[in-house]
Amino acid sequence: MTPRPWPRGLPGANVEGMTHDDRPVFTAHDIPDLFNAMPTLFGFRPVESIVAIATSGPRHRMGFRLRMDLPGAEYVDDAAAVIVGHLRRQGAEGVIALAITRRQRIAHDLLEAIEAQLGTITPIVIARSNGQRYWVDIPGFPAEGIGYDTSDHHVSIVQAVAAGQQVLPDRETLVARFAPVAGECRDRMEVLTHAALVRVLGDLGRHDEPSDVVALRELGPLVSRVAAGEPVTEEDAAAVSVWVNAINVRDALWELFTPDVAEASFALMSRAAQLVVPPYEPGVLALTAFTAWLTGDGAQALIAAERAHAADPAYSMATLMLDLVQSGIGPQEWADREDLRQAG
């Protein structure tokens, strides 16, 4: 499976889809509520972005949502087609489309193009904002827009934080979370990773069993301990890095990571991703992307997949994860399609 051929200027590499949501229900009462809730939907406050949220039922319950960087003016129709295609794939009955940008002319044209392509999908809310004022393109709406307050203490954010969600100020902060380890921490992790390699090779030498069987005897209980709330140590991260460098071990762990243990799996792999040293990045980052995607976090899945791909452009699982996130394929569709699982 190869990545979708995005046109130049259309930021396909930053299409971030979220597949499900276990957070407490928040009811938006007006358009400012929707704009203020954006950080809780993606884990950071979107800027220069178009956001589309699939809705269902008479009460317009929010489901799948995606965020895309605002495209150049010449790619408005292409971007609209990508967004509406994702919504159709996810079975959207309605859509809330919100543009957050200083480039209001492009926002107007993009929202208009989205609405024109919706077909049987019902537009619930179509609005644009510059972060201080918002507009709805209907007759009689004030040309100067309507002002509203953006607050980090909005009820939607307070509820999300109380439920354990971390809300970051912007996407760049999220990207920095997956930056390569550096400085003294890198020096320490290189020593720990070499020690893990020596230990793993010794374990394999003492057992007349396939390496994935030996690996899961260590990694399976580790996932359980993380699920029980135990922290992931630097030694744990080093061991994971070494083990998943072997494709058969990576695939065995991949099979172990199911929706039932998605949060614990992501906690383990994201910690390993923050500490991994060369040449172990591709397997660790690709599995991190998978576990983030399994939890419904398309933003972190994309960032991890991009780093895995940068570490090794030929690494097939990184390519697969980029395509899964950009195509809006959800975990259930993954479970139902053997061809996708074999593509990694």
C-alpha atoms as a PDB file:
ATOM      1  CA  MET A   1       0.000   0.000   0.000  1.00  0.00           C
ATOM      2  CA  THR A   2       1.488   3.353  -1.033  1.00  0.00           C
ATOM      3  CA  PRO A   3       0.677   6.793   0.372  1.00  0.00           C
ATOM      4  CA  ARG A   4      -2.025   8.856  -1.315  1.00  0.00           C
ATOM      5  CA  PRO A   5      -0.506  11.191  -3.968  1.00  0.00           C
ATOM      6  CA  TRP A   6      -1.390  14.572  -2.507  1.00  0.00           C
ATOM      7  CA  PRO A   7      -1.054  17.599  -4.836  1.00  0.00           C
ATOM      8  CA  ARG A   8       1.665  20.107  -3.985  1.00  0.00           C
ATOM      9  CA  GLY A   9       0.216  22.782  -1.690  1.00  0.00           C
ATOM     10  CA  LEU A  10      -2.490  20.476  -0.324  1.00  0.00           C
ATOM     11  CA  PRO A  11      -1.271  19.479   3.154  1.00  0.00           C
ATOM     12  CA  GLY A  12      -2.249  15.818   3.031  1.00  0.00           C
ATOM     13  CA  ALA A  13       0.599  14.994   5.406  1.00  0.00           C
ATOM     14  CA  ASN A  14      -1.313  16.855   8.116  1.00  0.00           C
ATOM     15  CA  VAL A  15      -4.730  15.235   7.727  1.00  0.00           C
ATOM     16  CA  GLU A  16      -5.472  14.025  11.237  1.00  0.00           C
ATOM     17  CA  GLY A  17      -8.512  11.864  11.874  1.00  0.00           C
ATOM     18  CA  MET A  18      -9.886  10.798  15.232  1.00  0.00           C
ATOM     19  CA  THR A  19     -11.850   7.574  15.190  1.00  0.00           C
ATOM     20  CA  HIS A  20     -13.596   7.386  18.543  1.00  0.00           C
ATOM     21  CA  ASP A  21     -14.003   9.258  21.795  1.00  0.00           C
ATOM     22  CA  ASP A  22     -14.343   7.926  25.348  1.00  0.00           C
ATOM     23  CA  ARG A  23     -14.331  11.329  27.038  1.00  0.00           C
ATOM     24  CA  PRO A  24     -17.356  12.677  28.964  1.00  0.00           C
ATOM     25  CA  VAL A  25     -20.174  14.023  26.787  1.00  0.00           C
ATOM     26  CA  PHE A  26     -20.022  17.780  26.213  1.00  0.00           C
ATOM     27  CA  THR A  27     -23.055  19.594  24.806  1.00  0.00           C
ATOM     28  CA  ALA A  28     -22.262  22.609  22.613  1.00  0.00           C
ATOM     29  CA  HIS A  29     -24.943  25.287  22.898  1.00  0.00           C
ATOM     30  CA  ASP A  30     -23.677  27.701  20.255  1.00  0.00           C
ATOM     31  CA  ILE A  31     -20.915  28.267  17.705  1.00  0.00           C
ATOM     32  CA  PRO A  32     -18.436  29.803  20.204  1.00  0.00           C
ATOM     33  CA  ASP A  33     -18.836  26.610  22.263  1.00  0.00           C
ATOM     34  CA  LEU A  34     -17.750  24.598  19.242  1.00  0.00           C
ATOM     35  CA  PHE A  35     -14.660  26.721  18.609  1.00  0.00           C
ATOM     36  CA  ASN A  36     -13.731  26.578  22.303  1.00  0.00           C
ATOM     37  CA  ALA A  37     -14.086  22.781  22.307  1.00  0.00           C
ATOM     38  CA  MET A  38     -11.536  22.308  19.505  1.00  0.00           C
ATOM     39  CA  PRO A  39      -8.573  21.655  21.861  1.00  0.00           C
ATOM     40  CA  THR A  40     -10.429  18.790  23.538  1.00  0.00           C
ATOM     41  CA  LEU A  41     -11.130  17.120  20.196  1.00  0.00           C
ATOM     42  CA  PHE A  42      -7.492  17.033  19.065  1.00  0.00           C
ATOM     43  CA  GLY A  43      -5.390  17.479  22.205  1.00  0.00           C
ATOM     44  CA  PHE A  44      -4.153  20.907  21.114  1.00  0.00           C
ATOM     45  CA  ARG A  45      -5.625  24.212  19.932  1.00  0.00           C
ATOM     46  CA  PRO A  46      -5.854  24.142  16.117  1.00  0.00           C
ATOM     47  CA  VAL A  47      -4.729  27.206  14.174  1.00  0.00           C
ATOM     48  CA  GLU A  48      -4.757  27.817  10.424  1.00  0.00           C
ATOM     49  CA  SER A  49      -6.891  24.698  10.171  1.00  0.00           C
ATOM     50  CA  ILE A  50     -10.087  23.272   8.795  1.00  0.00           C
ATOM     51  CA  VAL A  51     -11.931  20.899  11.115  1.00  0.00           C
ATOM     52  CA  ALA A  52     -14.744  18.566  10.061  1.00  0.00           C
ATOM     53  CA  ILE A  53     -16.793  16.581  12.580  1.00  0.00           C
ATOM     54  CA  ALA A  54     -19.144  13.796  11.528  1.00  0.00           C
ATOM     55  CA  THR A  55     -22.485  13.784  13.352  1.00  0.00           C
ATOM     56  CA  SER A  56     -25.241  11.211  13.679  1.00  0.00           C
ATOM     57  CA  GLY A  57     -28.776  11.000  14.985  1.00  0.00           C
ATOM     58  CA  PRO A  58     -31.378  13.666  15.683  1.00  0.00           C
ATOM     59  CA  ARG A  59     -29.219  15.205  18.435  1.00  0.00           C
ATOM     60  CA  HIS A  60     -26.198  15.456  16.111  1.00  0.00           C
ATOM     61  CA  ARG A  61     -23.897  13.363  18.263  1.00  0.00           C
ATOM     62  CA  MET A  62     -20.269  14.002  17.320  1.00  0.00           C
ATOM     63  CA  GLY A  63     -18.193  11.116  16.041  1.00  0.00           C
ATOM     64  CA  PHE A  64     -15.236  10.947  13.659  1.00  0.00           C
ATOM     65  CA  ARG A  65     -13.427  14.240  13.202  1.00  0.00           C
ATOM     66  CA  LEU A  66     -10.447  15.408  11.233  1.00  0.00           C
ATOM     67  CA  ARG A  67      -8.173  18.406  11.098  1.00  0.00           C
ATOM     68  CA  MET A  68      -6.314  19.603   8.024  1.00  0.00           C
ATOM     69  CA  ASP A  69      -3.937  22.507   7.542  1.00  0.00           C
ATOM     70  CA  LEU A  70      -5.661  25.222   5.529  1.00  0.00           C
ATOM     71  CA  PRO A  71      -4.698  24.663   1.856  1.00  0.00           C
ATOM     72  CA  GLY A  72      -3.451  27.163  -0.664  1.00  0.00           C
ATOM     73  CA  ALA A  73      -6.176  28.956  -2.606  1.00  0.00           C
ATOM     74  CA  GLU A  74      -5.581  26.857  -5.731  1.00  0.00           C
ATOM     75  CA  TYR A  75      -6.270  23.611  -3.821  1.00  0.00           C
ATOM     76  CA  VAL A  76      -9.545  24.504  -2.134  1.00  0.00           C
ATOM     77  CA  ASP A  77     -11.585  22.070  -4.256  1.00  0.00           C
ATOM     78  CA  ASP A  78      -9.039  19.270  -3.762  1.00  0.00           C
ATOM     79  CA  ALA A  79      -9.067  19.773   0.004  1.00  0.00           C
ATOM     80  CA  ALA A  80     -12.870  19.801   0.069  1.00  0.00           C
ATOM     81  CA  ALA A  81     -12.948  16.520  -1.869  1.00  0.00           C
ATOM     82  CA  VAL A  82     -10.542  14.897   0.607  1.00  0.00           C
ATOM     83  CA  ILE A  83     -12.592  16.054   3.600  1.00  0.00           C
ATOM     84  CA  VAL A  84     -15.952  14.986   2.180  1.00  0.00           C
ATOM     85  CA  GLY A  85     -14.446  11.662   1.118  1.00  0.00           C
ATOM     86  CA  HIS A  86     -13.391  10.985   4.724  1.00  0.00           C
ATOM     87  CA  LEU A  87     -16.860  11.904   5.989  1.00  0.00           C
ATOM     88  CA  ARG A  88     -18.533   9.531   3.531  1.00  0.00           C
ATOM     89  CA  ARG A  89     -16.146   6.714   4.457  1.00  0.00           C
ATOM     90  CA  GLN A  90     -17.081   7.198   8.113  1.00  0.00           C
ATOM     91  CA  GLY A  91     -20.821   7.125   7.384  1.00  0.00           C
ATOM     92  CA  ALA A  92     -21.466  10.707   8.468  1.00  0.00           C
ATOM     93  CA  GLU A  93     -25.123  11.715   8.518  1.00  0.00           C
ATOM     94  CA  GLY A  94     -24.299  15.341   9.202  1.00  0.00           C
ATOM     95  CA  VAL A  95     -21.210  17.506   9.480  1.00  0.00           C
ATOM     96  CA  ILE A  96     -19.917  20.399  11.538  1.00  0.00           C
ATOM     97  CA  ALA A  97     -17.247  22.201   9.475  1.00  0.00           C
ATOM     98  CA  LEU A  98     -15.181  24.895  11.192  1.00  0.00           C
ATOM     99  CA  ALA A  99     -12.307  26.932   9.778  1.00  0.00           C
ATOM    100  CA  ILE A 100      -9.914  28.666  12.180  1.00  0.00           C
ATOM    101  CA  THR A 101      -7.622  31.052  10.329  1.00  0.00           C
ATOM    102  CA  ARG A 102      -6.544  34.607   9.581  1.00  0.00           C
ATOM    103  CA  ARG A 103      -7.081  33.860   5.859  1.00  0.00           C
ATOM    104  CA  GLN A 104     -10.807  34.364   5.791  1.00  0.00           C
ATOM    105  CA  ARG A 105     -11.148  34.479   2.002  1.00  0.00           C
ATOM    106  CA  ILE A 106      -9.722  30.964   1.683  1.00  0.00           C
ATOM    107  CA  ALA A 107     -11.827  29.821   4.655  1.00  0.00           C
ATOM    108  CA  HIS A 108     -14.975  31.142   2.956  1.00  0.00           C
ATOM    109  CA  ASP A 109     -14.148  29.409  -0.335  1.00  0.00           C
ATOM    110  CA  LEU A 110     -13.166  26.123   1.328  1.00  0.00           C
ATOM    111  CA  LEU A 111     -16.328  25.908   3.423  1.00  0.00           C
ATOM    112  CA  GLU A 112     -18.395  26.747   0.358  1.00  0.00           C
ATOM    113  CA  ALA A 113     -16.646  23.977  -1.614  1.00  0.00           C
ATOM    114  CA  ILE A 114     -17.211  21.468   1.209  1.00  0.00           C
ATOM    115  CA  GLU A 115     -20.904  22.305   1.406  1.00  0.00           C
ATOM    116  CA  ALA A 116     -21.262  22.004  -2.372  1.00  0.00           C
ATOM    117  CA  GLN A 117     -19.811  18.461  -2.321  1.00  0.00           C
ATOM    118  CA  LEU A 118     -21.714  17.064   0.701  1.00  0.00           C
ATOM    119  CA  GLY A 119     -24.499  15.395  -1.267  1.00  0.00           C
ATOM    120  CA  THR A 120     -26.654  13.468   1.217  1.00  0.00           C
ATOM    121  CA  ILE A 121     -24.592  14.602   4.232  1.00  0.00           C
ATOM    122  CA  THR A 122     -26.488  17.329   6.089  1.00  0.00           C
ATOM    123  CA  PRO A 123     -24.576  20.514   6.982  1.00  0.00           C
ATOM    124  CA  ILE A 124     -25.233  21.100  10.693  1.00  0.00           C
ATOM    125  CA  VAL A 125     -22.887  24.018  11.332  1.00  0.00           C
ATOM    126  CA  ILE A 126     -20.619  25.691   8.749  1.00  0.00           C
ATOM    127  CA  ALA A 127     -18.646  28.519  10.330  1.00  0.00           C
ATOM    128  CA  ARG A 128     -15.273  30.269  10.239  1.00  0.00           C
ATOM    129  CA  SER A 129     -13.297  32.184  12.824  1.00  0.00           C
ATOM    130  CA  ASN A 130     -10.137  34.228  13.170  1.00  0.00           C
ATOM    131  CA  GLY A 131      -9.840  33.296  16.856  1.00  0.00           C
ATOM    132  CA  GLN A 132     -11.699  36.392  18.052  1.00  0.00           C
ATOM    133  CA  ARG A 133     -14.717  36.727  15.759  1.00  0.00           C
ATOM    134  CA  TYR A 134     -16.748  34.202  13.803  1.00  0.00           C
ATOM    135  CA  TRP A 135     -18.804  34.271  10.616  1.00  0.00           C
ATOM    136  CA  VAL A 136     -21.585  32.144   9.162  1.00  0.00           C
ATOM    137  CA  ASP A 137     -22.122  32.735   5.465  1.00  0.00           C
ATOM    138  CA  ILE A 138     -25.870  33.207   5.419  1.00  0.00           C
ATOM    139  CA  PRO A 139     -27.883  36.240   4.316  1.00  0.00           C
ATOM    140  CA  GLY A 140     -28.096  38.941   6.960  1.00  0.00           C
ATOM    141  CA  PHE A 141     -25.149  37.751   9.084  1.00  0.00           C
ATOM    142  CA  PRO A 142     -23.111  40.771  10.261  1.00  0.00           C
ATOM    143  CA  ALA A 143     -20.288  41.483   7.806  1.00  0.00           C
ATOM    144  CA  GLU A 144     -17.975  42.311  10.721  1.00  0.00           C
ATOM    145  CA  GLY A 145     -18.695  38.954  12.346  1.00  0.00           C
ATOM    146  CA  ILE A 146     -19.605  38.317  15.964  1.00  0.00           C
ATOM    147  CA  GLY A 147     -17.016  38.509  18.717  1.00  0.00           C
ATOM    148  CA  TYR A 148     -16.488  35.708  21.211  1.00  0.00           C
ATOM    149  CA  ASP A 149     -14.062  34.812  23.994  1.00  0.00           C
ATOM    150  CA  THR A 150     -11.501  32.024  23.681  1.00  0.00           C
ATOM    151  CA  SER A 151     -10.799  30.565  27.111  1.00  0.00           C
ATOM    152  CA  ASP A 152      -8.552  27.826  28.456  1.00  0.00           C
ATOM    153  CA  HIS A 153     -11.138  27.517  31.247  1.00  0.00           C
ATOM    154  CA  HIS A 154     -14.085  26.803  28.983  1.00  0.00           C
ATOM    155  CA  VAL A 155     -16.324  24.081  30.412  1.00  0.00           C
ATOM    156  CA  SER A 156     -15.380  21.612  27.649  1.00  0.00           C
ATOM    157  CA  ILE A 157     -11.674  21.948  28.469  1.00  0.00           C
ATOM    158  CA  VAL A 158     -12.257  21.769  32.227  1.00  0.00           C
ATOM    159  CA  GLN A 159     -14.259  18.554  31.770  1.00  0.00           C
ATOM    160  CA  ALA A 160     -11.609  17.023  29.518  1.00  0.00           C
ATOM    161  CA  VAL A 161      -8.717  17.881  31.841  1.00  0.00           C
ATOM    162  CA  ALA A 162     -10.662  16.562  34.833  1.00  0.00           C
ATOM    163  CA  ALA A 163     -11.106  13.291  32.916  1.00  0.00           C
ATOM    164  CA  GLY A 164      -7.335  13.035  32.477  1.00  0.00           C
ATOM    165  CA  GLN A 165      -6.816  14.539  29.021  1.00  0.00           C
ATOM    166  CA  GLN A 166      -3.771  16.727  28.441  1.00  0.00           C
ATOM    167  CA  VAL A 167      -4.486  19.761  26.267  1.00  0.00           C
ATOM    168  CA  LEU A 168      -1.430  21.301  24.616  1.00  0.00           C
ATOM    169  CA  PRO A 169      -1.163  24.883  23.347  1.00  0.00           C
ATOM    170  CA  ASP A 170      -0.469  23.954  19.702  1.00  0.00           C
ATOM    171  CA  ARG A 171       0.495  21.165  17.335  1.00  0.00           C
ATOM    172  CA  GLU A 172       4.186  22.098  17.490  1.00  0.00           C
ATOM    173  CA  THR A 173       4.204  21.225  21.193  1.00  0.00           C
ATOM    174  CA  LEU A 174       2.814  17.807  20.296  1.00  0.00           C
ATOM    175  CA  VAL A 175       5.474  17.339  17.604  1.00  0.00           C
ATOM    176  CA  ALA A 176       8.177  18.242  20.141  1.00  0.00           C
ATOM    177  CA  ARG A 177       6.971  15.381  22.341  1.00  0.00           C
ATOM    178  CA  PHE A 178       8.216  12.966  19.680  1.00  0.00           C
ATOM    179  CA  ALA A 179      11.487  14.755  18.929  1.00  0.00           C
ATOM    180  CA  PRO A 180      14.605  12.545  18.911  1.00  0.00           C
ATOM    181  CA  VAL A 181      16.196  12.099  22.316  1.00  0.00           C
ATOM    182  CA  ALA A 182      19.245  14.313  22.847  1.00  0.00           C
ATOM    183  CA  GLY A 183      21.936  15.340  25.316  1.00  0.00           C
ATOM    184  CA  GLU A 184      22.597  13.422  28.503  1.00  0.00           C
ATOM    185  CA  CYS A 185      19.382  11.454  28.100  1.00  0.00           C
ATOM    186  CA  ARG A 186      20.560  10.158  24.732  1.00  0.00           C
ATOM    187  CA  ASP A 187      23.934   9.179  26.174  1.00  0.00           C
ATOM    188  CA  ARG A 188      22.178   7.307  28.984  1.00  0.00           C
ATOM    189  CA  MET A 189      19.740   5.593  26.621  1.00  0.00           C
ATOM    190  CA  GLU A 190      22.541   4.450  24.326  1.00  0.00           C
ATOM    191  CA  VAL A 191      24.170   2.701  27.297  1.00  0.00           C
ATOM    192  CA  LEU A 192      20.860   1.184  28.457  1.00  0.00           C
ATOM    193  CA  THR A 193      19.941   0.074  24.940  1.00  0.00           C
ATOM    194  CA  HIS A 194      23.300  -1.641  24.446  1.00  0.00           C
ATOM    195  CA  ALA A 195      22.821  -3.409  27.783  1.00  0.00           C
ATOM    196  CA  ALA A 196      19.319  -4.478  26.677  1.00  0.00           C
ATOM    197  CA  LEU A 197      20.730  -5.824  23.417  1.00  0.00           C
ATOM    198  CA  VAL A 198      23.307  -7.921  25.265  1.00  0.00           C
ATOM    199  CA  ARG A 199      20.606  -9.262  27.598  1.00  0.00           C
ATOM    200  CA  VAL A 200      18.160 -10.035  24.770  1.00  0.00           C
ATOM    201  CA  LEU A 201      20.808 -11.906  22.791  1.00  0.00           C
ATOM    202  CA  GLY A 202      21.624 -13.900  25.924  1.00  0.00           C
ATOM    203  CA  ASP A 203      17.947 -14.734  26.453  1.00  0.00           C
ATOM    204  CA  LEU A 204      17.630 -15.945  22.878  1.00  0.00           C
ATOM    205  CA  GLY A 205      20.761 -18.063  23.242  1.00  0.00           C
ATOM    206  CA  ARG A 206      19.388 -19.808  26.324  1.00  0.00           C
ATOM    207  CA  HIS A 207      16.026 -20.737  24.804  1.00  0.00           C
ATOM    208  CA  ASP A 208      15.379 -23.068  21.911  1.00  0.00           C
ATOM    209  CA  GLU A 209      12.250 -21.143  20.930  1.00  0.00           C
ATOM    210  CA  PRO A 210      11.317 -18.554  18.275  1.00  0.00           C
ATOM    211  CA  SER A 211      12.344 -15.026  19.223  1.00  0.00           C
ATOM    212  CA  ASP A 212       8.753 -13.741  19.243  1.00  0.00           C
ATOM    213  CA  VAL A 213       7.784 -16.367  21.845  1.00  0.00           C
ATOM    214  CA  VAL A 214      10.709 -15.366  24.057  1.00  0.00           C
ATOM    215  CA  ALA A 215       9.915 -11.675  23.542  1.00  0.00           C
ATOM    216  CA  LEU A 216       6.237 -11.936  24.462  1.00  0.00           C
ATOM    217  CA  ARG A 217       7.136 -13.713  27.681  1.00  0.00           C
ATOM    218  CA  GLU A 218       8.721 -10.389  28.695  1.00  0.00           C
ATOM    219  CA  LEU A 219       6.629  -7.855  26.788  1.00  0.00           C
ATOM    220  CA  GLY A 220       3.173  -9.309  27.505  1.00  0.00           C
ATOM    221  CA  PRO A 221       3.485  -8.855  31.292  1.00  0.00           C
ATOM    222  CA  LEU A 222       5.011  -5.416  30.700  1.00  0.00           C
ATOM    223  CA  VAL A 223       1.850  -4.305  28.870  1.00  0.00           C
ATOM    224  CA  SER A 224      -0.225  -5.652  31.771  1.00  0.00           C
ATOM    225  CA  ARG A 225       1.860  -3.758  34.305  1.00  0.00           C
ATOM    226  CA  VAL A 226       1.471  -0.521  32.373  1.00  0.00           C
ATOM    227  CA  ALA A 227      -2.286  -1.134  32.172  1.00  0.00           C
ATOM    228  CA  ALA A 228      -2.273  -1.479  35.966  1.00  0.00           C
ATOM    229  CA  GLY A 229      -0.693   1.962  36.292  1.00  0.00           C
ATOM    230  CA  GLU A 230       2.991   1.135  36.646  1.00  0.00           C
ATOM    231  CA  PRO A 231       5.382   3.627  35.004  1.00  0.00           C
ATOM    232  CA  VAL A 232       7.481   2.769  31.955  1.00  0.00           C
ATOM    233  CA  THR A 233      11.130   2.925  33.012  1.00  0.00           C
ATOM    234  CA  GLU A 234      14.063   3.808  30.796  1.00  0.00           C
ATOM    235  CA  GLU A 235      15.155   0.169  31.051  1.00  0.00           C
ATOM    236  CA  ASP A 236      11.703  -0.911  29.838  1.00  0.00           C
ATOM    237  CA  ALA A 237      11.923   1.496  26.899  1.00  0.00           C
ATOM    238  CA  ALA A 238      15.377   0.202  25.964  1.00  0.00           C
ATOM    239  CA  ALA A 239      14.160  -3.403  26.037  1.00  0.00           C
ATOM    240  CA  VAL A 240      11.126  -2.609  23.885  1.00  0.00           C
ATOM    241  CA  SER A 241      13.362  -0.798  21.385  1.00  0.00           C
ATOM    242  CA  VAL A 242      15.643  -3.812  20.991  1.00  0.00           C
ATOM    243  CA  TRP A 243      12.885  -6.421  20.825  1.00  0.00           C
ATOM    244  CA  VAL A 244      10.725  -4.689  18.189  1.00  0.00           C
ATOM    245  CA  ASN A 245      13.720  -4.175  15.928  1.00  0.00           C
ATOM    246  CA  ALA A 246      13.029  -7.784  14.879  1.00  0.00           C
ATOM    247  CA  ILE A 247      10.090  -7.836  12.453  1.00  0.00           C
ATOM    248  CA  ASN A 248       8.601 -11.067  13.814  1.00  0.00           C
ATOM    249  CA  VAL A 249       8.656  -9.657  17.364  1.00  0.00           C
ATOM    250  CA  ARG A 250       7.197  -6.382  16.146  1.00  0.00           C
ATOM    251  CA  ASP A 251       4.385  -8.267  14.430  1.00  0.00           C
ATOM    252  CA  ALA A 252       3.704 -10.403  17.505  1.00  0.00           C
ATOM    253  CA  LEU A 253       3.411  -7.273  19.628  1.00  0.00           C
ATOM    254  CA  TRP A 254       1.292  -5.688  16.907  1.00  0.00           C
ATOM    255  CA  GLU A 255      -1.163  -8.575  17.258  1.00  0.00           C
ATOM    256  CA  LEU A 256      -1.094  -8.207  21.054  1.00  0.00           C
ATOM    257  CA  PHE A 257      -2.121  -4.544  20.819  1.00  0.00           C
ATOM    258  CA  THR A 258      -5.912  -4.780  20.637  1.00  0.00           C
ATOM    259  CA  PRO A 259      -8.590  -2.176  21.463  1.00  0.00           C
ATOM    260  CA  ASP A 260      -8.908  -3.724  24.941  1.00  0.00           C
ATOM    261  CA  VAL A 261      -5.344  -2.670  25.799  1.00  0.00           C
ATOM    262  CA  ALA A 262      -5.095   0.346  23.479  1.00  0.00           C
ATOM    263  CA  GLU A 263      -4.443   2.956  26.173  1.00  0.00           C
ATOM    264  CA  ALA A 264      -1.789   0.877  27.944  1.00  0.00           C
ATOM    265  CA  SER A 265      -0.173  -0.040  24.636  1.00  0.00           C
ATOM    266  CA  PHE A 266       0.038   3.616  23.648  1.00  0.00           C
ATOM    267  CA  ALA A 267       1.417   4.576  27.065  1.00  0.00           C
ATOM    268  CA  LEU A 268       4.179   1.990  26.642  1.00  0.00           C
ATOM    269  CA  MET A 269       5.045   2.758  23.042  1.00  0.00           C
ATOM    270  CA  SER A 270       4.866   6.556  23.309  1.00  0.00           C
ATOM    271  CA  ARG A 271       7.299   6.450  26.233  1.00  0.00           C
ATOM    272  CA  ALA A 272       9.605   4.200  24.204  1.00  0.00           C
ATOM    273  CA  ALA A 273       9.290   6.629  21.273  1.00  0.00           C
ATOM    274  CA  GLN A 274      10.505   9.495  23.440  1.00  0.00           C
ATOM    275  CA  LEU A 275      13.611   7.521  24.472  1.00  0.00           C
ATOM    276  CA  VAL A 276      14.523   5.374  21.468  1.00  0.00           C
ATOM    277  CA  VAL A 277      17.978   5.814  19.914  1.00  0.00           C
ATOM    278  CA  PRO A 278      19.276   4.855  16.457  1.00  0.00           C
ATOM    279  CA  PRO A 279      18.982   2.434  14.769  1.00  0.00           C
ATOM    280  CA  TYR A 280      15.824   1.335  16.577  1.00  0.00           C
ATOM    281  CA  GLU A 281      13.445   4.199  15.675  1.00  0.00           C
ATOM    282  CA  PRO A 282      11.419   2.714  12.776  1.00  0.00           C
ATOM    283  CA  GLY A 283       9.841  -0.212  14.653  1.00  0.00           C
ATOM    284  CA  VAL A 284       9.227   1.755  17.844  1.00  0.00           C
ATOM    285  CA  LEU A 285       7.731   4.777  16.068  1.00  0.00           C
ATOM    286  CA  ALA A 286       5.587   2.695  13.717  1.00  0.00           C
ATOM    287  CA  LEU A 287       4.109   0.749  16.633  1.00  0.00           C
ATOM    288  CA  THR A 288       3.592   4.026  18.487  1.00  0.00           C
ATOM    289  CA  ALA A 289       1.658   5.330  15.492  1.00  0.00           C
ATOM    290  CA  PHE A 290      -0.474   2.191  15.470  1.00  0.00           C
ATOM    291  CA  THR A 291      -1.307   2.358  19.186  1.00  0.00           C
ATOM    292  CA  ALA A 292      -2.122   6.085  18.980  1.00  0.00           C
ATOM    293  CA  TRP A 293      -4.421   5.377  16.023  1.00  0.00           C
ATOM    294  CA  LEU A 294      -5.978   2.478  17.949  1.00  0.00           C
ATOM    295  CA  THR A 295      -6.962   4.904  20.734  1.00  0.00           C
ATOM    296  CA  GLY A 296      -8.487   7.266  18.168  1.00  0.00           C
ATOM    297  CA  ASP A 297      -5.682   9.838  18.330  1.00  0.00           C
ATOM    298  CA  GLY A 298      -4.953  10.638  14.706  1.00  0.00           C
ATOM    299  CA  ALA A 299      -2.705  13.603  15.492  1.00  0.00           C
ATOM    300  CA  GLN A 300      -0.181  11.608  17.507  1.00  0.00           C
ATOM    301  CA  ALA A 301      -0.490   8.668  15.108  1.00  0.00           C
ATOM    302  CA  LEU A 302       0.474  10.902  12.207  1.00  0.00           C
ATOM    303  CA  ILE A 303       3.395  12.535  14.025  1.00  0.00           C
ATOM    304  CA  ALA A 304       4.831   9.166  15.088  1.00  0.00           C
ATOM    305  CA  ALA A 305       4.350   7.696  11.596  1.00  0.00           C
ATOM    306  CA  GLU A 306       6.076  10.670  10.006  1.00  0.00           C
ATOM    307  CA  ARG A 307       9.076  10.234  12.288  1.00  0.00           C
ATOM    308  CA  ALA A 308       9.209   6.489  11.556  1.00  0.00           C
ATOM    309  CA  HIS A 309       9.101   7.221   7.841  1.00  0.00           C
ATOM    310  CA  ALA A 310      11.836   9.845   8.182  1.00  0.00           C
ATOM    311  CA  ALA A 311      14.034   7.342  10.013  1.00  0.00           C
ATOM    312  CA  ASP A 312      13.555   4.747   7.262  1.00  0.00           C
ATOM    313  CA  PRO A 313      11.510   5.706   4.156  1.00  0.00           C
ATOM    314  CA  ALA A 314      11.440   2.044   3.100  1.00  0.00           C
ATOM    315  CA  TYR A 315       9.893   0.814   6.363  1.00  0.00           C
ATOM    316  CA  SER A 316       6.564  -0.614   5.218  1.00  0.00           C
ATOM    317  CA  MET A 317       4.681  -0.277   8.502  1.00  0.00           C
ATOM    318  CA  ALA A 318       5.443   3.461   8.598  1.00  0.00           C
ATOM    319  CA  THR A 319       4.050   3.782   5.071  1.00  0.00           C
ATOM    320  CA  LEU A 320       0.988   1.776   6.087  1.00  0.00           C
ATOM    321  CA  MET A 321       0.320   3.969   9.113  1.00  0.00           C
ATOM    322  CA  LEU A 322       0.641   7.169   7.076  1.00  0.00           C
ATOM    323  CA  ASP A 323      -1.923   5.799   4.652  1.00  0.00           C
ATOM    324  CA  LEU A 324      -4.297   4.612   7.393  1.00  0.00           C
ATOM    325  CA  VAL A 325      -4.346   8.014   9.083  1.00  0.00           C
ATOM    326  CA  GLN A 326      -4.586  10.033   5.867  1.00  0.00           C
ATOM    327  CA  SER A 327      -7.313   7.781   4.474  1.00  0.00           C
ATOM    328  CA  GLY A 328      -9.501   7.974   7.573  1.00  0.00           C
ATOM    329  CA  ILE A 329      -9.573   4.189   8.058  1.00  0.00           C
ATOM    330  CA  GLY A 330     -10.724   3.301  11.565  1.00  0.00           C
ATOM    331  CA  PRO A 331      -9.729   0.398  13.839  1.00  0.00           C
ATOM    332  CA  GLN A 332     -12.902  -1.580  13.069  1.00  0.00           C
ATOM    333  CA  GLU A 333     -12.220  -1.456   9.350  1.00  0.00           C
ATOM    334  CA  TRP A 334      -8.655  -2.564  10.110  1.00  0.00           C
ATOM    335  CA  ALA A 335      -9.976  -5.557  12.039  1.00  0.00           C
ATOM    336  CA  ASP A 336     -12.209  -6.523   9.109  1.00  0.00           C
ATOM    337  CA  ARG A 337      -9.593  -6.268   6.355  1.00  0.00           C
ATOM    338  CA  GLU A 338      -6.807  -8.830   6.198  1.00  0.00           C
ATOM    339  CA  ASP A 339      -5.237  -7.049   3.210  1.00  0.00           C
ATOM    340  CA  LEU A 340      -4.510  -3.975   5.330  1.00  0.00           C
ATOM    341  CA  ARG A 341      -2.916  -6.012   8.111  1.00  0.00           C
ATOM    342  CA  GLN A 342      -0.689  -7.853   5.668  1.00  0.00           C
ATOM    343  CA  ALA A 343       0.523  -4.589   4.087  1.00  0.00           C
ATOM    344  CA  GLY A 344       2.770  -3.814   7.066  1.00  0.00           C
END
